[in-house]
Amino acid sequence: MADAVVHPAPRRYALVSGANRGIGFEICRQLALKGMVVILAATDEKRGIEARERLQELDNVVFHQLDVANVLVLLLLLNS
């Protein structure tokens, strides 16, 4: 019998804007709990860092300061 080849599932990513509070924050938490890599995006750096710290038990959440109205910055983030 041949050995089975196991391919790891591709990592799934989510970019959530306005994620430092309210519905955006909860969406980040829920997606991270489901195993997705979550980019917690907020325009206010201090509040974004605080939100990330509230999710410190989840190692698959990263914070990026981001204004989604700035298309150039958004494209740079998506290509990194």
PDB file of N, CA and C in Angstrom:
ATOM      1  N   MET A   1       0.844  -1.164   0.000  1.00  0.00           N
ATOM      2  CA  MET A   1       0.000   0.000   0.000  1.00  0.00           C
ATOM      3  C   MET A   1       0.896   1.236   0.000  1.00  0.00           C
ATOM      4  N   ALA A   2       0.630   2.163  -0.869  1.00  0.00           N
ATOM      5  CA  ALA A   2       1.422   3.389  -0.963  1.00  0.00           C
ATOM      6  C   ALA A   2       1.086   4.315   0.200  1.00  0.00           C
ATOM      7  N   ASP A   3       2.108   5.057   0.634  1.00  0.00           N
ATOM      8  CA  ASP A   3       1.871   6.044   1.683  1.00  0.00           C
ATOM      9  C   ASP A   3       1.006   7.174   1.134  1.00  0.00           C
ATOM     10  N   ALA A   4       0.069   7.607   1.932  1.00  0.00           N
ATOM     11  CA  ALA A   4      -0.796   8.720   1.529  1.00  0.00           C
ATOM     12  C   ALA A   4      -0.013  10.024   1.623  1.00  0.00           C
ATOM     13  N   VAL A   5      -0.200  10.865   0.653  1.00  0.00           N
ATOM     14  CA  VAL A   5       0.431  12.185   0.664  1.00  0.00           C
ATOM     15  C   VAL A   5      -0.577  13.169   1.237  1.00  0.00           C
ATOM     16  N   VAL A   6      -0.176  13.832   2.293  1.00  0.00           N
ATOM     17  CA  VAL A   6      -1.062  14.793   2.937  1.00  0.00           C
ATOM     18  C   VAL A   6      -0.576  16.192   2.597  1.00  0.00           C
ATOM     19  N   HIS A   7      -1.448  16.961   1.995  1.00  0.00           N
ATOM     20  CA  HIS A   7      -1.128  18.349   1.671  1.00  0.00           C
ATOM     21  C   HIS A   7      -1.815  19.246   2.695  1.00  0.00           C
ATOM     22  N   PRO A   8      -1.059  20.148   3.309  1.00  0.00           N
ATOM     23  CA  PRO A   8      -1.696  21.036   4.278  1.00  0.00           C
ATOM     24  C   PRO A   8      -2.700  21.954   3.579  1.00  0.00           C
ATOM     25  N   ALA A   9      -3.757  22.261   4.289  1.00  0.00           N
ATOM     26  CA  ALA A   9      -4.759  23.176   3.733  1.00  0.00           C
ATOM     27  C   ALA A   9      -4.129  24.559   3.589  1.00  0.00           C
ATOM     28  N   PRO A  10      -4.450  25.259   2.512  1.00  0.00           N
ATOM     29  CA  PRO A  10      -3.896  26.604   2.355  1.00  0.00           C
ATOM     30  C   PRO A  10      -4.424  27.521   3.454  1.00  0.00           C
ATOM     31  N   ARG A  11      -3.582  28.438   3.900  1.00  0.00           N
ATOM     32  CA  ARG A  11      -4.003  29.381   4.935  1.00  0.00           C
ATOM     33  C   ARG A  11      -4.977  30.365   4.335  1.00  0.00           C
ATOM     34  N   ARG A  12      -5.992  30.673   5.065  1.00  0.00           N
ATOM     35  CA  ARG A  12      -6.988  31.643   4.623  1.00  0.00           C
ATOM     36  C   ARG A  12      -6.779  32.934   5.394  1.00  0.00           C
ATOM     37  N   TYR A  13      -6.908  34.048   4.695  1.00  0.00           N
ATOM     38  CA  TYR A  13      -6.670  35.365   5.270  1.00  0.00           C
ATOM     39  C   TYR A  13      -7.931  36.212   5.194  1.00  0.00           C
ATOM     40  N   ALA A  14      -8.099  37.085   6.192  1.00  0.00           N
ATOM     41  CA  ALA A  14      -9.208  38.039   6.184  1.00  0.00           C
ATOM     42  C   ALA A  14      -8.666  39.401   6.585  1.00  0.00           C
ATOM     43  N   LEU A  15      -9.055  40.426   5.864  1.00  0.00           N
ATOM     44  CA  LEU A  15      -8.733  41.809   6.199  1.00  0.00           C
ATOM     45  C   LEU A  15     -10.024  42.445   6.679  1.00  0.00           C
ATOM     46  N   VAL A  16     -10.043  42.871   7.947  1.00  0.00           N
ATOM     47  CA  VAL A  16     -11.245  43.457   8.527  1.00  0.00           C
ATOM     48  C   VAL A  16     -10.949  44.906   8.875  1.00  0.00           C
ATOM     49  N   SER A  17     -11.649  45.828   8.217  1.00  0.00           N
ATOM     50  CA  SER A  17     -11.453  47.252   8.508  1.00  0.00           C
ATOM     51  C   SER A  17     -12.403  47.685   9.618  1.00  0.00           C
ATOM     52  N   GLY A  18     -12.034  48.751  10.313  1.00  0.00           N
ATOM     53  CA  GLY A  18     -12.841  49.198  11.441  1.00  0.00           C
ATOM     54  C   GLY A  18     -12.894  48.155  12.535  1.00  0.00           C
ATOM     55  N   ALA A  19     -11.799  47.431  12.686  1.00  0.00           N
ATOM     56  CA  ALA A  19     -11.788  46.240  13.532  1.00  0.00           C
ATOM     57  C   ALA A  19     -11.400  46.505  14.980  1.00  0.00           C
ATOM     58  N   ASN A  20     -11.204  47.756  15.343  1.00  0.00           N
ATOM     59  CA  ASN A  20     -10.775  48.029  16.709  1.00  0.00           C
ATOM     60  C   ASN A  20     -11.942  48.080  17.692  1.00  0.00           C
ATOM     61  N   ARG A  21     -13.200  47.998  17.182  1.00  0.00           N
ATOM     62  CA  ARG A  21     -14.333  48.045  18.111  1.00  0.00           C
ATOM     63  C   ARG A  21     -15.586  47.474  17.451  1.00  0.00           C
ATOM     64  N   GLY A  22     -16.570  47.237  18.262  1.00  0.00           N
ATOM     65  CA  GLY A  22     -17.889  46.861  17.779  1.00  0.00           C
ATOM     66  C   GLY A  22     -17.933  45.599  16.934  1.00  0.00           C
ATOM     67  N   ILE A  23     -18.719  45.681  15.872  1.00  0.00           N
ATOM     68  CA  ILE A  23     -18.923  44.525  14.999  1.00  0.00           C
ATOM     69  C   ILE A  23     -17.619  44.089  14.345  1.00  0.00           C
ATOM     70  N   GLY A  24     -16.794  45.046  13.911  1.00  0.00           N
ATOM     71  CA  GLY A  24     -15.520  44.704  13.279  1.00  0.00           C
ATOM     72  C   GLY A  24     -14.621  43.900  14.206  1.00  0.00           C
ATOM     73  N   PHE A  25     -14.575  44.290  15.478  1.00  0.00           N
ATOM     74  CA  PHE A  25     -13.765  43.575  16.461  1.00  0.00           C
ATOM     75  C   PHE A  25     -14.273  42.144  16.633  1.00  0.00           C
ATOM     76  N   GLU A  26     -15.582  41.996  16.746  1.00  0.00           N
ATOM     77  CA  GLU A  26     -16.157  40.657  16.941  1.00  0.00           C
ATOM     78  C   GLU A  26     -15.961  39.782  15.705  1.00  0.00           C
ATOM     79  N   ILE A  27     -16.041  40.375  14.523  1.00  0.00           N
ATOM     80  CA  ILE A  27     -15.770  39.615  13.296  1.00  0.00           C
ATOM     81  C   ILE A  27     -14.335  39.101  13.319  1.00  0.00           C
ATOM     82  N   CYS A  28     -13.392  39.954  13.713  1.00  0.00           N
ATOM     83  CA  CYS A  28     -11.984  39.523  13.830  1.00  0.00           C
ATOM     84  C   CYS A  28     -11.864  38.335  14.768  1.00  0.00           C
ATOM     85  N   ARG A  29     -12.477  38.447  15.920  1.00  0.00           N
ATOM     86  CA  ARG A  29     -12.383  37.391  16.928  1.00  0.00           C
ATOM     87  C   ARG A  29     -12.955  36.079  16.397  1.00  0.00           C
ATOM     88  N   GLN A  30     -14.119  36.142  15.799  1.00  0.00           N
ATOM     89  CA  GLN A  30     -14.768  34.929  15.299  1.00  0.00           C
ATOM     90  C   GLN A  30     -13.971  34.272  14.171  1.00  0.00           C
ATOM     91  N   LEU A  31     -13.462  35.071  13.238  1.00  0.00           N
ATOM     92  CA  LEU A  31     -12.670  34.509  12.138  1.00  0.00           C
ATOM     93  C   LEU A  31     -11.381  33.881  12.658  1.00  0.00           C
ATOM     94  N   ALA A  32     -10.739  34.544  13.627  1.00  0.00           N
ATOM     95  CA  ALA A  32      -9.505  34.001  14.203  1.00  0.00           C
ATOM     96  C   ALA A  32      -9.782  32.686  14.929  1.00  0.00           C
ATOM     97  N   LEU A  33     -10.896  32.618  15.636  1.00  0.00           N
ATOM     98  CA  LEU A  33     -11.258  31.379  16.328  1.00  0.00           C
ATOM     99  C   LEU A  33     -11.506  30.237  15.349  1.00  0.00           C
ATOM    100  N   LYS A  34     -11.901  30.564  14.127  1.00  0.00           N
ATOM    101  CA  LYS A  34     -12.120  29.546  13.093  1.00  0.00           C
ATOM    102  C   LYS A  34     -10.830  29.191  12.361  1.00  0.00           C
ATOM    103  N   GLY A  35      -9.697  29.803  12.772  1.00  0.00           N
ATOM    104  CA  GLY A  35      -8.405  29.432  12.222  1.00  0.00           C
ATOM    105  C   GLY A  35      -7.872  30.310  11.108  1.00  0.00           C
ATOM    106  N   MET A  36      -8.596  31.350  10.751  1.00  0.00           N
ATOM    107  CA  MET A  36      -8.109  32.239   9.699  1.00  0.00           C
ATOM    108  C   MET A  36      -7.036  33.170  10.247  1.00  0.00           C
ATOM    109  N   VAL A  37      -6.132  33.608   9.377  1.00  0.00           N
ATOM    110  CA  VAL A  37      -5.187  34.666   9.726  1.00  0.00           C
ATOM    111  C   VAL A  37      -5.939  35.971   9.504  1.00  0.00           C
ATOM    112  N   VAL A  38      -6.054  36.780  10.546  1.00  0.00           N
ATOM    113  CA  VAL A  38      -6.867  37.989  10.477  1.00  0.00           C
ATOM    114  C   VAL A  38      -5.980  39.221  10.575  1.00  0.00           C
ATOM    115  N   ILE A  39      -6.173  40.128   9.624  1.00  0.00           N
ATOM    116  CA  ILE A  39      -5.507  41.426   9.662  1.00  0.00           C
ATOM    117  C   ILE A  39      -6.516  42.403  10.241  1.00  0.00           C
ATOM    118  N   LEU A  40      -6.267  42.815  11.473  1.00  0.00           N
ATOM    119  CA  LEU A  40      -7.118  43.761  12.176  1.00  0.00           C
ATOM    120  C   LEU A  40      -6.691  45.147  11.721  1.00  0.00           C
ATOM    121  N   ALA A  41      -7.522  45.819  10.950  1.00  0.00           N
ATOM    122  CA  ALA A  41      -7.162  47.115  10.379  1.00  0.00           C
ATOM    123  C   ALA A  41      -7.986  48.220  11.024  1.00  0.00           C
ATOM    124  N   ALA A  42      -7.298  49.311  11.363  1.00  0.00           N
ATOM    125  CA  ALA A  42      -7.968  50.469  11.941  1.00  0.00           C
ATOM    126  C   ALA A  42      -7.169  51.716  11.584  1.00  0.00           C
ATOM    127  N   THR A  43      -7.853  52.844  11.497  1.00  0.00           N
ATOM    128  CA  THR A  43      -7.144  54.086  11.179  1.00  0.00           C
ATOM    129  C   THR A  43      -6.415  54.637  12.395  1.00  0.00           C
ATOM    130  N   ASP A  44      -6.940  54.395  13.576  1.00  0.00           N
ATOM    131  CA  ASP A  44      -6.333  54.896  14.809  1.00  0.00           C
ATOM    132  C   ASP A  44      -5.357  53.851  15.349  1.00  0.00           C
ATOM    133  N   GLU A  45      -4.067  54.164  15.292  1.00  0.00           N
ATOM    134  CA  GLU A  45      -3.042  53.193  15.691  1.00  0.00           C
ATOM    135  C   GLU A  45      -3.181  52.766  17.145  1.00  0.00           C
ATOM    136  N   LYS A  46      -3.387  53.722  18.048  1.00  0.00           N
ATOM    137  CA  LYS A  46      -3.481  53.395  19.471  1.00  0.00           C
ATOM    138  C   LYS A  46      -4.647  52.441  19.735  1.00  0.00           C
ATOM    139  N   ARG A  47      -5.800  52.743  19.179  1.00  0.00           N
ATOM    140  CA  ARG A  47      -6.971  51.882  19.392  1.00  0.00           C
ATOM    141  C   ARG A  47      -6.799  50.523  18.718  1.00  0.00           C
ATOM    142  N   GLY A  48      -6.123  50.498  17.585  1.00  0.00           N
ATOM    143  CA  GLY A  48      -5.860  49.231  16.910  1.00  0.00           C
ATOM    144  C   GLY A  48      -4.948  48.332  17.725  1.00  0.00           C
ATOM    145  N   ILE A  49      -3.910  48.921  18.293  1.00  0.00           N
ATOM    146  CA  ILE A  49      -2.992  48.151  19.143  1.00  0.00           C
ATOM    147  C   ILE A  49      -3.723  47.633  20.378  1.00  0.00           C
ATOM    148  N   GLU A  50      -4.570  48.480  20.969  1.00  0.00           N
ATOM    149  CA  GLU A  50      -5.346  48.049  22.137  1.00  0.00           C
ATOM    150  C   GLU A  50      -6.280  46.890  21.780  1.00  0.00           C
ATOM    151  N   ALA A  51      -6.901  46.960  20.609  1.00  0.00           N
ATOM    152  CA  ALA A  51      -7.789  45.872  20.170  1.00  0.00           C
ATOM    153  C   ALA A  51      -6.991  44.585  19.984  1.00  0.00           C
ATOM    154  N   ARG A  52      -5.821  44.690  19.381  1.00  0.00           N
ATOM    155  CA  ARG A  52      -4.963  43.509  19.187  1.00  0.00           C
ATOM    156  C   ARG A  52      -4.584  42.906  20.532  1.00  0.00           C
ATOM    157  N   GLU A  53      -4.285  43.756  21.504  1.00  0.00           N
ATOM    158  CA  GLU A  53      -3.923  43.261  22.838  1.00  0.00           C
ATOM    159  C   GLU A  53      -5.093  42.535  23.499  1.00  0.00           C
ATOM    160  N   ARG A  54      -6.327  42.964  23.218  1.00  0.00           N
ATOM    161  CA  ARG A  54      -7.499  42.271  23.781  1.00  0.00           C
ATOM    162  C   ARG A  54      -7.668  40.884  23.171  1.00  0.00           C
ATOM    163  N   LEU A  55      -7.029  40.655  22.038  1.00  0.00           N
ATOM    164  CA  LEU A  55      -7.077  39.342  21.383  1.00  0.00           C
ATOM    165  C   LEU A  55      -5.744  38.603  21.513  1.00  0.00           C
ATOM    166  N   GLN A  56      -4.979  38.928  22.547  1.00  0.00           N
ATOM    167  CA  GLN A  56      -3.617  38.400  22.670  1.00  0.00           C
ATOM    168  C   GLN A  56      -3.552  36.880  22.748  1.00  0.00           C
ATOM    169  N   GLU A  57      -4.635  36.227  23.181  1.00  0.00           N
ATOM    170  CA  GLU A  57      -4.612  34.760  23.258  1.00  0.00           C
ATOM    171  C   GLU A  57      -4.680  34.115  21.875  1.00  0.00           C
ATOM    172  N   LEU A  58      -5.015  34.890  20.859  1.00  0.00           N
ATOM    173  CA  LEU A  58      -5.090  34.380  19.486  1.00  0.00           C
ATOM    174  C   LEU A  58      -3.840  34.814  18.734  1.00  0.00           C
ATOM    175  N   ASP A  59      -3.014  33.852  18.334  1.00  0.00           N
ATOM    176  CA  ASP A  59      -1.746  34.202  17.685  1.00  0.00           C
ATOM    177  C   ASP A  59      -1.875  34.403  16.180  1.00  0.00           C
ATOM    178  N   ASN A  60      -3.085  34.331  15.656  1.00  0.00           N
ATOM    179  CA  ASN A  60      -3.285  34.490  14.217  1.00  0.00           C
ATOM    180  C   ASN A  60      -3.964  35.816  13.867  1.00  0.00           C
ATOM    181  N   VAL A  61      -3.804  36.817  14.739  1.00  0.00           N
ATOM    182  CA  VAL A  61      -4.338  38.159  14.492  1.00  0.00           C
ATOM    183  C   VAL A  61      -3.175  39.135  14.485  1.00  0.00           C
ATOM    184  N   VAL A  62      -3.097  39.946  13.434  1.00  0.00           N
ATOM    185  CA  VAL A  62      -2.077  40.988  13.347  1.00  0.00           C
ATOM    186  C   VAL A  62      -2.763  42.324  13.120  1.00  0.00           C
ATOM    187  N   PHE A  63      -2.157  43.388  13.609  1.00  0.00           N
ATOM    188  CA  PHE A  63      -2.711  44.732  13.433  1.00  0.00           C
ATOM    189  C   PHE A  63      -1.940  45.483  12.359  1.00  0.00           C
ATOM    190  N   HIS A  64      -2.683  46.190  11.520  1.00  0.00           N
ATOM    191  CA  HIS A  64      -2.091  47.124  10.562  1.00  0.00           C
ATOM    192  C   HIS A  64      -2.901  48.407  10.601  1.00  0.00           C
ATOM    193  N   GLN A  65      -2.198  49.533  10.783  1.00  0.00           N
ATOM    194  CA  GLN A  65      -2.879  50.818  10.684  1.00  0.00           C
ATOM    195  C   GLN A  65      -3.204  51.030   9.214  1.00  0.00           C
ATOM    196  N   LEU A  66      -4.455  51.319   8.925  1.00  0.00           N
ATOM    197  CA  LEU A  66      -4.875  51.362   7.531  1.00  0.00           C
ATOM    198  C   LEU A  66      -6.119  52.223   7.372  1.00  0.00           C
ATOM    199  N   ASP A  67      -6.073  53.103   6.397  1.00  0.00           N
ATOM    200  CA  ASP A  67      -7.247  53.857   5.982  1.00  0.00           C
ATOM    201  C   ASP A  67      -7.669  53.256   4.650  1.00  0.00           C
ATOM    202  N   VAL A  68      -8.779  52.528   4.622  1.00  0.00           N
ATOM    203  CA  VAL A  68      -9.171  51.827   3.403  1.00  0.00           C
ATOM    204  C   VAL A  68      -9.528  52.777   2.267  1.00  0.00           C
ATOM    205  N   ALA A  69      -9.685  54.060   2.559  1.00  0.00           N
ATOM    206  CA  ALA A  69      -9.932  55.042   1.500  1.00  0.00           C
ATOM    207  C   ALA A  69      -8.659  55.321   0.704  1.00  0.00           C
ATOM    208  N   ASN A  70      -7.492  54.962   1.264  1.00  0.00           N
ATOM    209  CA  ASN A  70      -6.208  55.165   0.586  1.00  0.00           C
ATOM    210  C   ASN A  70      -5.884  53.894  -0.202  1.00  0.00           C
ATOM    211  N   VAL A  71      -6.244  53.896  -1.463  1.00  0.00           N
ATOM    212  CA  VAL A  71      -6.113  52.708  -2.307  1.00  0.00           C
ATOM    213  C   VAL A  71      -4.662  52.252  -2.428  1.00  0.00           C
ATOM    214  N   LEU A  72      -3.723  53.173  -2.531  1.00  0.00           N
ATOM    215  CA  LEU A  72      -2.313  52.806  -2.673  1.00  0.00           C
ATOM    216  C   LEU A  72      -1.829  52.013  -1.460  1.00  0.00           C
ATOM    217  N   VAL A  73      -2.134  52.483  -0.276  1.00  0.00           N
ATOM    218  CA  VAL A  73      -1.717  51.785   0.945  1.00  0.00           C
ATOM    219  C   VAL A  73      -2.382  50.412   1.018  1.00  0.00           C
ATOM    220  N   LEU A  74      -3.633  50.334   0.631  1.00  0.00           N
ATOM    221  CA  LEU A  74      -4.343  49.058   0.630  1.00  0.00           C
ATOM    222  C   LEU A  74      -3.692  48.065  -0.327  1.00  0.00           C
ATOM    223  N   LEU A  75      -3.336  48.515  -1.509  1.00  0.00           N
ATOM    224  CA  LEU A  75      -2.668  47.636  -2.479  1.00  0.00           C
ATOM    225  C   LEU A  75      -1.301  47.181  -1.980  1.00  0.00           C
ATOM    226  N   LEU A  76      -0.558  48.077  -1.341  1.00  0.00           N
ATOM    227  CA  LEU A  76       0.749  47.703  -0.791  1.00  0.00           C
ATOM    228  C   LEU A  76       0.597  46.619   0.276  1.00  0.00           C
ATOM    229  N   LEU A  77      -0.402  46.757   1.126  1.00  0.00           N
ATOM    230  CA  LEU A  77      -0.634  45.751   2.167  1.00  0.00           C
ATOM    231  C   LEU A  77      -1.007  44.408   1.544  1.00  0.00           C
ATOM    232  N   LEU A  78      -1.878  44.421   0.569  1.00  0.00           N
ATOM    233  CA  LEU A  78      -2.321  43.171  -0.045  1.00  0.00           C
ATOM    234  C   LEU A  78      -1.207  42.475  -0.811  1.00  0.00           C
ATOM    235  N   ASN A  79      -0.234  43.219  -1.288  1.00  0.00           N
ATOM    236  CA  ASN A  79       0.877  42.631  -2.039  1.00  0.00           C
ATOM    237  C   ASN A  79       2.060  42.252  -1.155  1.00  0.00           C
ATOM    238  N   SER A  80       1.977  42.520   0.151  1.00  0.00           N
ATOM    239  CA  SER A  80       3.109  42.189   1.041  1.00  0.00           C
ATOM    240  C   SER A  80       2.974  40.796   1.598  1.00  0.00           C
TER     241      SER A  80
END
